[in-house]
Amino acid sequence: MTTAAPLGENTLSPTNVTTKSQEEILYQSSGAIVAAIVVGVIIIFTVVLLVLKMYNRHMRAKRELESTSTKAKTPPAFGPTSNTANQPTTITIVPMDIHTQNR
């Protein structure tokens, strides 16, 4: 039986050792910093977008609830900007003398 001589822990072959210059290290670290900033900006934009979306839903639901409660109180306005397609069409006959004013 033959035994191999143990190699010392301090011996490294010159082909496996790669030395990086300080300039290369700075380039790599600046690239990592830029990537972290980009990821952070994307996360911030995503959070802002989600908050605005939830706020929009909340305000839309609030407006729809308010409009249904005030729709019965105030008569709908008829004009070029009014949206009459969503309102049910009902005809009510009102005597004319109620609407006339004495001057």
PDB file of N, CA and C in Angstrom:
ATOM      1  N   MET A   1       0.815  -1.160   0.000  1.00  0.00           N
ATOM      2  CA  MET A   1       0.000   0.000   0.000  1.00  0.00           C
ATOM      3  C   MET A   1       0.874   1.244   0.000  1.00  0.00           C
ATOM      4  N   THR A   2       0.515   2.168  -0.846  1.00  0.00           N
ATOM      5  CA  THR A   2       1.294   3.400  -0.908  1.00  0.00           C
ATOM      6  C   THR A   2       0.466   4.543  -0.356  1.00  0.00           C
ATOM      7  N   THR A   3       1.113   5.422   0.287  1.00  0.00           N
ATOM      8  CA  THR A   3       0.419   6.591   0.822  1.00  0.00           C
ATOM      9  C   THR A   3       0.954   7.828   0.148  1.00  0.00           C
ATOM     10  N   ALA A   4       0.030   8.737  -0.135  1.00  0.00           N
ATOM     11  CA  ALA A   4       0.442   9.980  -0.776  1.00  0.00           C
ATOM     12  C   ALA A   4       0.850  10.965   0.292  1.00  0.00           C
ATOM     13  N   ALA A   5       1.787  11.764  -0.051  1.00  0.00           N
ATOM     14  CA  ALA A   5       2.248  12.771   0.898  1.00  0.00           C
ATOM     15  C   ALA A   5       1.209  13.890   0.960  1.00  0.00           C
ATOM     16  N   PRO A   6       0.811  14.313   2.153  1.00  0.00           N
ATOM     17  CA  PRO A   6      -0.176  15.393   2.251  1.00  0.00           C
ATOM     18  C   PRO A   6       0.386  16.706   1.745  1.00  0.00           C
ATOM     19  N   LEU A   7      -0.493  17.439   1.052  1.00  0.00           N
ATOM     20  CA  LEU A   7      -0.072  18.740   0.553  1.00  0.00           C
ATOM     21  C   LEU A   7      -0.253  19.768   1.660  1.00  0.00           C
ATOM     22  N   GLY A   8       0.582  20.733   1.688  1.00  0.00           N
ATOM     23  CA  GLY A   8       0.449  21.803   2.687  1.00  0.00           C
ATOM     24  C   GLY A   8      -0.735  22.694   2.344  1.00  0.00           C
ATOM     25  N   GLU A   9      -1.347  23.271   3.337  1.00  0.00           N
ATOM     26  CA  GLU A   9      -2.523  24.106   3.104  1.00  0.00           C
ATOM     27  C   GLU A   9      -2.158  25.451   2.504  1.00  0.00           C
ATOM     28  N   ASN A  10      -0.918  25.801   2.563  1.00  0.00           N
ATOM     29  CA  ASN A  10      -0.494  27.095   2.045  1.00  0.00           C
ATOM     30  C   ASN A  10      -0.114  27.036   0.583  1.00  0.00           C
ATOM     31  N   THR A  11      -0.073  25.879   0.001  1.00  0.00           N
ATOM     32  CA  THR A  11       0.359  25.777  -1.380  1.00  0.00           C
ATOM     33  C   THR A  11      -0.838  25.916  -2.303  1.00  0.00           C
ATOM     34  N   LEU A  12      -0.810  26.889  -3.177  1.00  0.00           N
ATOM     35  CA  LEU A  12      -1.846  27.122  -4.179  1.00  0.00           C
ATOM     36  C   LEU A  12      -1.180  27.187  -5.536  1.00  0.00           C
ATOM     37  N   SER A  13      -1.829  26.628  -6.500  1.00  0.00           N
ATOM     38  CA  SER A  13      -1.253  26.688  -7.838  1.00  0.00           C
ATOM     39  C   SER A  13      -1.475  28.083  -8.405  1.00  0.00           C
ATOM     40  N   PRO A  14      -0.570  28.614  -9.135  1.00  0.00           N
ATOM     41  CA  PRO A  14      -0.694  29.990  -9.649  1.00  0.00           C
ATOM     42  C   PRO A  14      -1.819  30.141 -10.675  1.00  0.00           C
ATOM     43  N   THR A  15      -2.268  29.061 -11.269  1.00  0.00           N
ATOM     44  CA  THR A  15      -3.329  29.197 -12.267  1.00  0.00           C
ATOM     45  C   THR A  15      -4.694  29.413 -11.625  1.00  0.00           C
ATOM     46  N   ASN A  16      -4.914  28.999 -10.391  1.00  0.00           N
ATOM     47  CA  ASN A  16      -6.204  29.141  -9.732  1.00  0.00           C
ATOM     48  C   ASN A  16      -6.368  30.478  -9.007  1.00  0.00           C
ATOM     49  N   VAL A  17      -5.292  31.170  -8.784  1.00  0.00           N
ATOM     50  CA  VAL A  17      -5.350  32.421  -8.035  1.00  0.00           C
ATOM     51  C   VAL A  17      -5.654  33.550  -9.011  1.00  0.00           C
ATOM     52  N   THR A  18      -6.765  34.263  -8.724  1.00  0.00           N
ATOM     53  CA  THR A  18      -7.101  35.423  -9.545  1.00  0.00           C
ATOM     54  C   THR A  18      -7.094  36.632  -8.637  1.00  0.00           C
ATOM     55  N   THR A  19      -6.360  37.580  -9.011  1.00  0.00           N
ATOM     56  CA  THR A  19      -6.312  38.812  -8.218  1.00  0.00           C
ATOM     57  C   THR A  19      -7.057  39.888  -8.983  1.00  0.00           C
ATOM     58  N   LYS A  20      -7.908  40.589  -8.267  1.00  0.00           N
ATOM     59  CA  LYS A  20      -8.676  41.657  -8.875  1.00  0.00           C
ATOM     60  C   LYS A  20      -8.075  42.987  -8.456  1.00  0.00           C
ATOM     61  N   SER A  21      -8.042  43.850  -9.422  1.00  0.00           N
ATOM     62  CA  SER A  21      -7.533  45.171  -9.093  1.00  0.00           C
ATOM     63  C   SER A  21      -8.608  45.941  -8.333  1.00  0.00           C
ATOM     64  N   GLN A  22      -8.196  46.993  -7.714  1.00  0.00           N
ATOM     65  CA  GLN A  22      -9.132  47.795  -6.934  1.00  0.00           C
ATOM     66  C   GLN A  22     -10.183  48.431  -7.853  1.00  0.00           C
ATOM     67  N   GLU A  23      -9.796  48.733  -9.070  1.00  0.00           N
ATOM     68  CA  GLU A  23     -10.730  49.326 -10.042  1.00  0.00           C
ATOM     69  C   GLU A  23     -11.833  48.333 -10.417  1.00  0.00           C
ATOM     70  N   GLU A  24     -11.486  47.066 -10.612  1.00  0.00           N
ATOM     71  CA  GLU A  24     -12.498  46.053 -10.918  1.00  0.00           C
ATOM     72  C   GLU A  24     -13.457  45.851  -9.757  1.00  0.00           C
ATOM     73  N   ILE A  25     -12.937  45.880  -8.558  1.00  0.00           N
ATOM     74  CA  ILE A  25     -13.789  45.727  -7.374  1.00  0.00           C
ATOM     75  C   ILE A  25     -14.768  46.896  -7.270  1.00  0.00           C
ATOM     76  N   LEU A  26     -14.303  48.101  -7.555  1.00  0.00           N
ATOM     77  CA  LEU A  26     -15.170  49.276  -7.512  1.00  0.00           C
ATOM     78  C   LEU A  26     -16.250  49.204  -8.589  1.00  0.00           C
ATOM     79  N   TYR A  27     -15.870  48.738  -9.790  1.00  0.00           N
ATOM     80  CA  TYR A  27     -16.869  48.597 -10.858  1.00  0.00           C
ATOM     81  C   TYR A  27     -17.956  47.598 -10.457  1.00  0.00           C
ATOM     82  N   GLN A  28     -17.549  46.484  -9.868  1.00  0.00           N
ATOM     83  CA  GLN A  28     -18.533  45.481  -9.469  1.00  0.00           C
ATOM     84  C   GLN A  28     -19.421  45.985  -8.342  1.00  0.00           C
ATOM     85  N   SER A  29     -18.835  46.674  -7.386  1.00  0.00           N
ATOM     86  CA  SER A  29     -19.643  47.166  -6.273  1.00  0.00           C
ATOM     87  C   SER A  29     -20.569  48.286  -6.735  1.00  0.00           C
ATOM     88  N   SER A  30     -20.120  49.130  -7.662  1.00  0.00           N
ATOM     89  CA  SER A  30     -21.004  50.186  -8.156  1.00  0.00           C
ATOM     90  C   SER A  30     -22.138  49.582  -8.978  1.00  0.00           C
ATOM     91  N   GLY A  31     -21.875  48.525  -9.697  1.00  0.00           N
ATOM     92  CA  GLY A  31     -22.946  47.840 -10.427  1.00  0.00           C
ATOM     93  C   GLY A  31     -23.966  47.238  -9.484  1.00  0.00           C
ATOM     94  N   ALA A  32     -23.490  46.692  -8.368  1.00  0.00           N
ATOM     95  CA  ALA A  32     -24.409  46.129  -7.379  1.00  0.00           C
ATOM     96  C   ALA A  32     -25.234  47.232  -6.727  1.00  0.00           C
ATOM     97  N   ILE A  33     -24.622  48.373  -6.489  1.00  0.00           N
ATOM     98  CA  ILE A  33     -25.348  49.499  -5.888  1.00  0.00           C
ATOM     99  C   ILE A  33     -26.416  50.009  -6.847  1.00  0.00           C
ATOM    100  N   VAL A  34     -26.073  50.130  -8.125  1.00  0.00           N
ATOM    101  CA  VAL A  34     -27.045  50.588  -9.115  1.00  0.00           C
ATOM    102  C   VAL A  34     -28.199  49.592  -9.223  1.00  0.00           C
ATOM    103  N   ALA A  35     -27.893  48.319  -9.219  1.00  0.00           N
ATOM    104  CA  ALA A  35     -28.950  47.301  -9.279  1.00  0.00           C
ATOM    105  C   ALA A  35     -29.851  47.371  -8.050  1.00  0.00           C
ATOM    106  N   ALA A  36     -29.274  47.599  -6.880  1.00  0.00           N
ATOM    107  CA  ALA A  36     -30.080  47.712  -5.667  1.00  0.00           C
ATOM    108  C   ALA A  36     -30.973  48.943  -5.716  1.00  0.00           C
ATOM    109  N   ILE A  37     -30.466  50.048  -6.244  1.00  0.00           N
ATOM    110  CA  ILE A  37     -31.268  51.263  -6.373  1.00  0.00           C
ATOM    111  C   ILE A  37     -32.420  51.040  -7.343  1.00  0.00           C
ATOM    112  N   VAL A  38     -32.167  50.390  -8.464  1.00  0.00           N
ATOM    113  CA  VAL A  38     -33.225  50.125  -9.448  1.00  0.00           C
ATOM    114  C   VAL A  38     -34.299  49.234  -8.845  1.00  0.00           C
ATOM    115  N   VAL A  39     -33.899  48.200  -8.148  1.00  0.00           N
ATOM    116  CA  VAL A  39     -34.874  47.311  -7.504  1.00  0.00           C
ATOM    117  C   VAL A  39     -35.670  48.075  -6.453  1.00  0.00           C
ATOM    118  N   GLY A  40     -35.012  48.932  -5.684  1.00  0.00           N
ATOM    119  CA  GLY A  40     -35.705  49.740  -4.687  1.00  0.00           C
ATOM    120  C   GLY A  40     -36.720  50.682  -5.308  1.00  0.00           C
ATOM    121  N   VAL A  41     -36.359  51.318  -6.414  1.00  0.00           N
ATOM    122  CA  VAL A  41     -37.285  52.226  -7.101  1.00  0.00           C
ATOM    123  C   VAL A  41     -38.481  51.452  -7.639  1.00  0.00           C
ATOM    124  N   ILE A  42     -38.253  50.276  -8.185  1.00  0.00           N
ATOM    125  CA  ILE A  42     -39.361  49.462  -8.692  1.00  0.00           C
ATOM    126  C   ILE A  42     -40.303  49.070  -7.548  1.00  0.00           C
ATOM    127  N   ILE A  43     -39.739  48.704  -6.421  1.00  0.00           N
ATOM    128  CA  ILE A  43     -40.571  48.331  -5.266  1.00  0.00           C
ATOM    129  C   ILE A  43     -41.376  49.534  -4.782  1.00  0.00           C
ATOM    130  N   ILE A  44     -40.751  50.708  -4.720  1.00  0.00           N
ATOM    131  CA  ILE A  44     -41.462  51.913  -4.281  1.00  0.00           C
ATOM    132  C   ILE A  44     -42.592  52.249  -5.239  1.00  0.00           C
ATOM    133  N   PHE A  45     -42.349  52.196  -6.551  1.00  0.00           N
ATOM    134  CA  PHE A  45     -43.399  52.473  -7.527  1.00  0.00           C
ATOM    135  C   PHE A  45     -44.539  51.466  -7.408  1.00  0.00           C
ATOM    136  N   THR A  46     -44.213  50.208  -7.164  1.00  0.00           N
ATOM    137  CA  THR A  46     -45.252  49.196  -7.013  1.00  0.00           C
ATOM    138  C   THR A  46     -46.119  49.485  -5.792  1.00  0.00           C
ATOM    139  N   VAL A  47     -45.492  49.844  -4.691  1.00  0.00           N
ATOM    140  CA  VAL A  47     -46.249  50.148  -3.473  1.00  0.00           C
ATOM    141  C   VAL A  47     -47.135  51.369  -3.685  1.00  0.00           C
ATOM    142  N   VAL A  48     -46.598  52.414  -4.314  1.00  0.00           N
ATOM    143  CA  VAL A  48     -47.390  53.619  -4.576  1.00  0.00           C
ATOM    144  C   VAL A  48     -48.558  53.288  -5.497  1.00  0.00           C
ATOM    145  N   LEU A  49     -48.317  52.481  -6.515  1.00  0.00           N
ATOM    146  CA  LEU A  49     -49.387  52.100  -7.432  1.00  0.00           C
ATOM    147  C   LEU A  49     -50.488  51.330  -6.707  1.00  0.00           C
ATOM    148  N   LEU A  50     -50.116  50.404  -5.853  1.00  0.00           N
ATOM    149  CA  LEU A  50     -51.116  49.642  -5.113  1.00  0.00           C
ATOM    150  C   LEU A  50     -51.904  50.526  -4.151  1.00  0.00           C
ATOM    151  N   VAL A  51     -51.228  51.465  -3.494  1.00  0.00           N
ATOM    152  CA  VAL A  51     -51.922  52.369  -2.571  1.00  0.00           C
ATOM    153  C   VAL A  51     -52.904  53.248  -3.336  1.00  0.00           C
ATOM    154  N   LEU A  52     -52.490  53.785  -4.482  1.00  0.00           N
ATOM    155  CA  LEU A  52     -53.393  54.610  -5.279  1.00  0.00           C
ATOM    156  C   LEU A  52     -54.567  53.808  -5.814  1.00  0.00           C
ATOM    157  N   LYS A  53     -54.322  52.566  -6.178  1.00  0.00           N
ATOM    158  CA  LYS A  53     -55.405  51.721  -6.677  1.00  0.00           C
ATOM    159  C   LYS A  53     -56.431  51.443  -5.580  1.00  0.00           C
ATOM    160  N   MET A  54     -55.956  51.161  -4.381  1.00  0.00           N
ATOM    161  CA  MET A  54     -56.875  50.917  -3.270  1.00  0.00           C
ATOM    162  C   MET A  54     -57.631  52.192  -2.898  1.00  0.00           C
ATOM    163  N   TYR A  55     -56.954  53.333  -2.923  1.00  0.00           N
ATOM    164  CA  TYR A  55     -57.611  54.608  -2.631  1.00  0.00           C
ATOM    165  C   TYR A  55     -58.680  54.912  -3.677  1.00  0.00           C
ATOM    166  N   ASN A  56     -58.379  54.631  -4.932  1.00  0.00           N
ATOM    167  CA  ASN A  56     -59.341  54.865  -6.010  1.00  0.00           C
ATOM    168  C   ASN A  56     -60.572  53.983  -5.824  1.00  0.00           C
ATOM    169  N   ARG A  57     -60.365  52.721  -5.460  1.00  0.00           N
ATOM    170  CA  ARG A  57     -61.502  51.828  -5.215  1.00  0.00           C
ATOM    171  C   ARG A  57     -62.353  52.332  -4.051  1.00  0.00           C
ATOM    172  N   HIS A  58     -61.678  52.768  -2.997  1.00  0.00           N
ATOM    173  CA  HIS A  58     -62.387  53.254  -1.808  1.00  0.00           C
ATOM    174  C   HIS A  58     -63.219  54.493  -2.159  1.00  0.00           C
ATOM    175  N   MET A  59     -62.611  55.429  -2.859  1.00  0.00           N
ATOM    176  CA  MET A  59     -63.324  56.667  -3.200  1.00  0.00           C
ATOM    177  C   MET A  59     -64.450  56.391  -4.201  1.00  0.00           C
ATOM    178  N   ARG A  60     -64.243  55.460  -5.115  1.00  0.00           N
ATOM    179  CA  ARG A  60     -65.293  55.135  -6.081  1.00  0.00           C
ATOM    180  C   ARG A  60     -66.493  54.501  -5.376  1.00  0.00           C
ATOM    181  N   ALA A  61     -66.230  53.602  -4.448  1.00  0.00           N
ATOM    182  CA  ALA A  61     -67.319  52.982  -3.696  1.00  0.00           C
ATOM    183  C   ALA A  61     -68.035  54.025  -2.847  1.00  0.00           C
ATOM    184  N   LYS A  62     -67.282  54.946  -2.273  1.00  0.00           N
ATOM    185  CA  LYS A  62     -67.889  55.996  -1.454  1.00  0.00           C
ATOM    186  C   LYS A  62     -68.780  56.890  -2.319  1.00  0.00           C
ATOM    187  N   ARG A  63     -68.312  57.252  -3.509  1.00  0.00           N
ATOM    188  CA  ARG A  63     -69.126  58.087  -4.406  1.00  0.00           C
ATOM    189  C   ARG A  63     -70.377  57.361  -4.867  1.00  0.00           C
ATOM    190  N   GLU A  64     -70.236  56.070  -5.162  1.00  0.00           N
ATOM    191  CA  GLU A  64     -71.412  55.319  -5.602  1.00  0.00           C
ATOM    192  C   GLU A  64     -72.437  55.201  -4.486  1.00  0.00           C
ATOM    193  N   LEU A  65     -71.997  55.023  -3.259  1.00  0.00           N
ATOM    194  CA  LEU A  65     -72.932  54.961  -2.140  1.00  0.00           C
ATOM    195  C   LEU A  65     -73.592  56.316  -1.897  1.00  0.00           C
ATOM    196  N   GLU A  66     -72.825  57.398  -2.028  1.00  0.00           N
ATOM    197  CA  GLU A  66     -73.398  58.727  -1.844  1.00  0.00           C
ATOM    198  C   GLU A  66     -74.371  59.070  -2.962  1.00  0.00           C
ATOM    199  N   SER A  67     -74.042  58.685  -4.178  1.00  0.00           N
ATOM    200  CA  SER A  67     -74.912  59.034  -5.301  1.00  0.00           C
ATOM    201  C   SER A  67     -76.230  58.274  -5.229  1.00  0.00           C
ATOM    202  N   THR A  68     -76.247  57.060  -4.710  1.00  0.00           N
ATOM    203  CA  THR A  68     -77.508  56.332  -4.597  1.00  0.00           C
ATOM    204  C   THR A  68     -78.375  56.910  -3.491  1.00  0.00           C
ATOM    205  N   SER A  69     -77.755  57.442  -2.432  1.00  0.00           N
ATOM    206  CA  SER A  69     -78.554  58.013  -1.353  1.00  0.00           C
ATOM    207  C   SER A  69     -79.067  59.401  -1.720  1.00  0.00           C
ATOM    208  N   THR A  70     -78.351  60.173  -2.521  1.00  0.00           N
ATOM    209  CA  THR A  70     -78.794  61.513  -2.886  1.00  0.00           C
ATOM    210  C   THR A  70     -79.613  61.512  -4.168  1.00  0.00           C
ATOM    211  N   LYS A  71     -79.618  60.414  -4.900  1.00  0.00           N
ATOM    212  CA  LYS A  71     -80.373  60.373  -6.146  1.00  0.00           C
ATOM    213  C   LYS A  71     -81.875  60.476  -5.872  1.00  0.00           C
ATOM    214  N   ALA A  72     -82.360  59.910  -4.802  1.00  0.00           N
ATOM    215  CA  ALA A  72     -83.776  59.965  -4.478  1.00  0.00           C
ATOM    216  C   ALA A  72     -84.181  61.361  -4.016  1.00  0.00           C
ATOM    217  N   LYS A  73     -83.261  62.133  -3.443  1.00  0.00           N
ATOM    218  CA  LYS A  73     -83.571  63.446  -2.915  1.00  0.00           C
ATOM    219  C   LYS A  73     -83.618  64.517  -4.005  1.00  0.00           C
ATOM    220  N   THR A  74     -82.664  64.499  -4.923  1.00  0.00           N
ATOM    221  CA  THR A  74     -82.592  65.541  -5.938  1.00  0.00           C
ATOM    222  C   THR A  74     -83.026  64.973  -7.277  1.00  0.00           C
ATOM    223  N   PRO A  75     -83.785  65.754  -8.062  1.00  0.00           N
ATOM    224  CA  PRO A  75     -84.169  65.267  -9.384  1.00  0.00           C
ATOM    225  C   PRO A  75     -82.964  65.292 -10.312  1.00  0.00           C
ATOM    226  N   PRO A  76     -82.923  64.403 -11.280  1.00  0.00           N
ATOM    227  CA  PRO A  76     -81.784  64.360 -12.193  1.00  0.00           C
ATOM    228  C   PRO A  76     -81.781  65.589 -13.093  1.00  0.00           C
ATOM    229  N   ALA A  77     -80.608  66.089 -13.388  1.00  0.00           N
ATOM    230  CA  ALA A  77     -80.465  67.252 -14.254  1.00  0.00           C
ATOM    231  C   ALA A  77     -80.446  66.788 -15.700  1.00  0.00           C
ATOM    232  N   PHE A  78     -81.263  67.414 -16.516  1.00  0.00           N
ATOM    233  CA  PHE A  78     -81.284  67.088 -17.938  1.00  0.00           C
ATOM    234  C   PHE A  78     -80.533  68.172 -18.679  1.00  0.00           C
ATOM    235  N   GLY A  79     -79.579  67.778 -19.418  1.00  0.00           N
ATOM    236  CA  GLY A  79     -78.775  68.722 -20.170  1.00  0.00           C
ATOM    237  C   GLY A  79     -77.827  67.961 -21.070  1.00  0.00           C
ATOM    238  N   PRO A  80     -76.984  68.703 -21.779  1.00  0.00           N
ATOM    239  CA  PRO A  80     -76.054  68.025 -22.695  1.00  0.00           C
ATOM    240  C   PRO A  80     -74.998  67.207 -21.977  1.00  0.00           C
ATOM    241  N   THR A  81     -74.705  67.527 -20.713  1.00  0.00           N
ATOM    242  CA  THR A  81     -73.666  66.775 -19.995  1.00  0.00           C
ATOM    243  C   THR A  81     -74.248  65.692 -19.106  1.00  0.00           C
ATOM    244  N   SER A  82     -75.567  65.637 -18.974  1.00  0.00           N
ATOM    245  CA  SER A  82     -76.141  64.619 -18.087  1.00  0.00           C
ATOM    246  C   SER A  82     -76.148  63.268 -18.778  1.00  0.00           C
ATOM    247  N   ASN A  83     -75.979  62.236 -17.983  1.00  0.00           N
ATOM    248  CA  ASN A  83     -75.952  60.874 -18.502  1.00  0.00           C
ATOM    249  C   ASN A  83     -77.316  60.244 -18.216  1.00  0.00           C
ATOM    250  N   THR A  84     -78.208  60.264 -19.206  1.00  0.00           N
ATOM    251  CA  THR A  84     -79.553  59.752 -18.996  1.00  0.00           C
ATOM    252  C   THR A  84     -79.673  58.282 -19.334  1.00  0.00           C
ATOM    253  N   ALA A  85     -78.619  57.666 -19.838  1.00  0.00           N
ATOM    254  CA  ALA A  85     -78.700  56.252 -20.215  1.00  0.00           C
ATOM    255  C   ALA A  85     -78.767  55.361 -18.977  1.00  0.00           C
ATOM    256  N   ASN A  86     -78.146  55.787 -17.875  1.00  0.00           N
ATOM    257  CA  ASN A  86     -78.132  54.977 -16.662  1.00  0.00           C
ATOM    258  C   ASN A  86     -79.370  55.187 -15.794  1.00  0.00           C
ATOM    259  N   GLN A  87     -80.176  56.235 -16.088  1.00  0.00           N
ATOM    260  CA  GLN A  87     -81.326  56.536 -15.261  1.00  0.00           C
ATOM    261  C   GLN A  87     -82.569  55.902 -15.854  1.00  0.00           C
ATOM    262  N   PRO A  88     -83.441  55.375 -15.014  1.00  0.00           N
ATOM    263  CA  PRO A  88     -84.686  54.803 -15.543  1.00  0.00           C
ATOM    264  C   PRO A  88     -85.599  55.925 -16.034  1.00  0.00           C
ATOM    265  N   THR A  89     -86.323  55.650 -17.105  1.00  0.00           N
ATOM    266  CA  THR A  89     -87.200  56.671 -17.671  1.00  0.00           C
ATOM    267  C   THR A  89     -88.590  56.527 -17.056  1.00  0.00           C
ATOM    268  N   THR A  90     -89.023  57.574 -16.377  1.00  0.00           N
ATOM    269  CA  THR A  90     -90.363  57.604 -15.812  1.00  0.00           C
ATOM    270  C   THR A  90     -91.017  58.913 -16.220  1.00  0.00           C
ATOM    271  N   ILE A  91     -92.294  58.855 -16.490  1.00  0.00           N
ATOM    272  CA  ILE A  91     -93.036  60.046 -16.891  1.00  0.00           C
ATOM    273  C   ILE A  91     -94.000  60.394 -15.772  1.00  0.00           C
ATOM    274  N   THR A  92     -93.904  61.622 -15.292  1.00  0.00           N
ATOM    275  CA  THR A  92     -94.836  62.103 -14.271  1.00  0.00           C
ATOM    276  C   THR A  92     -95.542  63.336 -14.820  1.00  0.00           C
ATOM    277  N   ILE A  93     -96.806  63.401 -14.610  1.00  0.00           N
ATOM    278  CA  ILE A  93     -97.597  64.531 -15.079  1.00  0.00           C
ATOM    279  C   ILE A  93     -97.815  65.480 -13.911  1.00  0.00           C
ATOM    280  N   VAL A  94     -97.346  66.714 -14.081  1.00  0.00           N
ATOM    281  CA  VAL A  94     -97.446  67.728 -13.040  1.00  0.00           C
ATOM    282  C   VAL A  94     -98.267  68.877 -13.600  1.00  0.00           C
ATOM    283  N   PRO A  95     -99.251  69.392 -12.873  1.00  0.00           N
ATOM    284  CA  PRO A  95    -100.027  70.536 -13.368  1.00  0.00           C
ATOM    285  C   PRO A  95     -99.112  71.750 -13.585  1.00  0.00           C
ATOM    286  N   MET A  96     -99.408  72.527 -14.588  1.00  0.00           N
ATOM    287  CA  MET A  96     -98.549  73.632 -14.980  1.00  0.00           C
ATOM    288  C   MET A  96     -98.580  74.780 -13.974  1.00  0.00           C
ATOM    289  N   ASP A  97     -99.672  74.989 -13.260  1.00  0.00           N
ATOM    290  CA  ASP A  97     -99.739  76.147 -12.376  1.00  0.00           C
ATOM    291  C   ASP A  97     -98.797  76.044 -11.191  1.00  0.00           C
ATOM    292  N   ILE A  98     -98.269  74.874 -10.905  1.00  0.00           N
ATOM    293  CA  ILE A  98     -97.321  74.727  -9.786  1.00  0.00           C
ATOM    294  C   ILE A  98     -95.986  75.337 -10.155  1.00  0.00           C
ATOM    295  N   HIS A  99     -95.583  75.206 -11.438  1.00  0.00           N
ATOM    296  CA  HIS A  99     -94.269  75.654 -11.854  1.00  0.00           C
ATOM    297  C   HIS A  99     -94.221  77.117 -12.257  1.00  0.00           C
ATOM    298  N   THR A 100     -95.317  77.771 -12.455  1.00  0.00           N
ATOM    299  CA  THR A 100     -95.287  79.156 -12.890  1.00  0.00           C
ATOM    300  C   THR A 100     -95.090  80.078 -11.697  1.00  0.00           C
ATOM    301  N   GLN A 101     -94.372  81.136 -11.918  1.00  0.00           N
ATOM    302  CA  GLN A 101     -94.109  82.090 -10.846  1.00  0.00           C
ATOM    303  C   GLN A 101     -94.826  83.394 -11.151  1.00  0.00           C
ATOM    304  N   ASN A 102     -95.331  84.075 -10.148  1.00  0.00           N
ATOM    305  CA  ASN A 102     -95.961  85.380 -10.307  1.00  0.00           C
ATOM    306  C   ASN A 102     -94.915  86.455 -10.196  1.00  0.00           C
ATOM    307  N   ARG A 103     -94.912  87.343 -11.196  1.00  0.00           N
ATOM    308  CA  ARG A 103     -93.898  88.397 -11.178  1.00  0.00           C
ATOM    309  C   ARG A 103     -94.521  89.732 -10.914  1.00  0.00           C
TER     310      ARG A 103
END
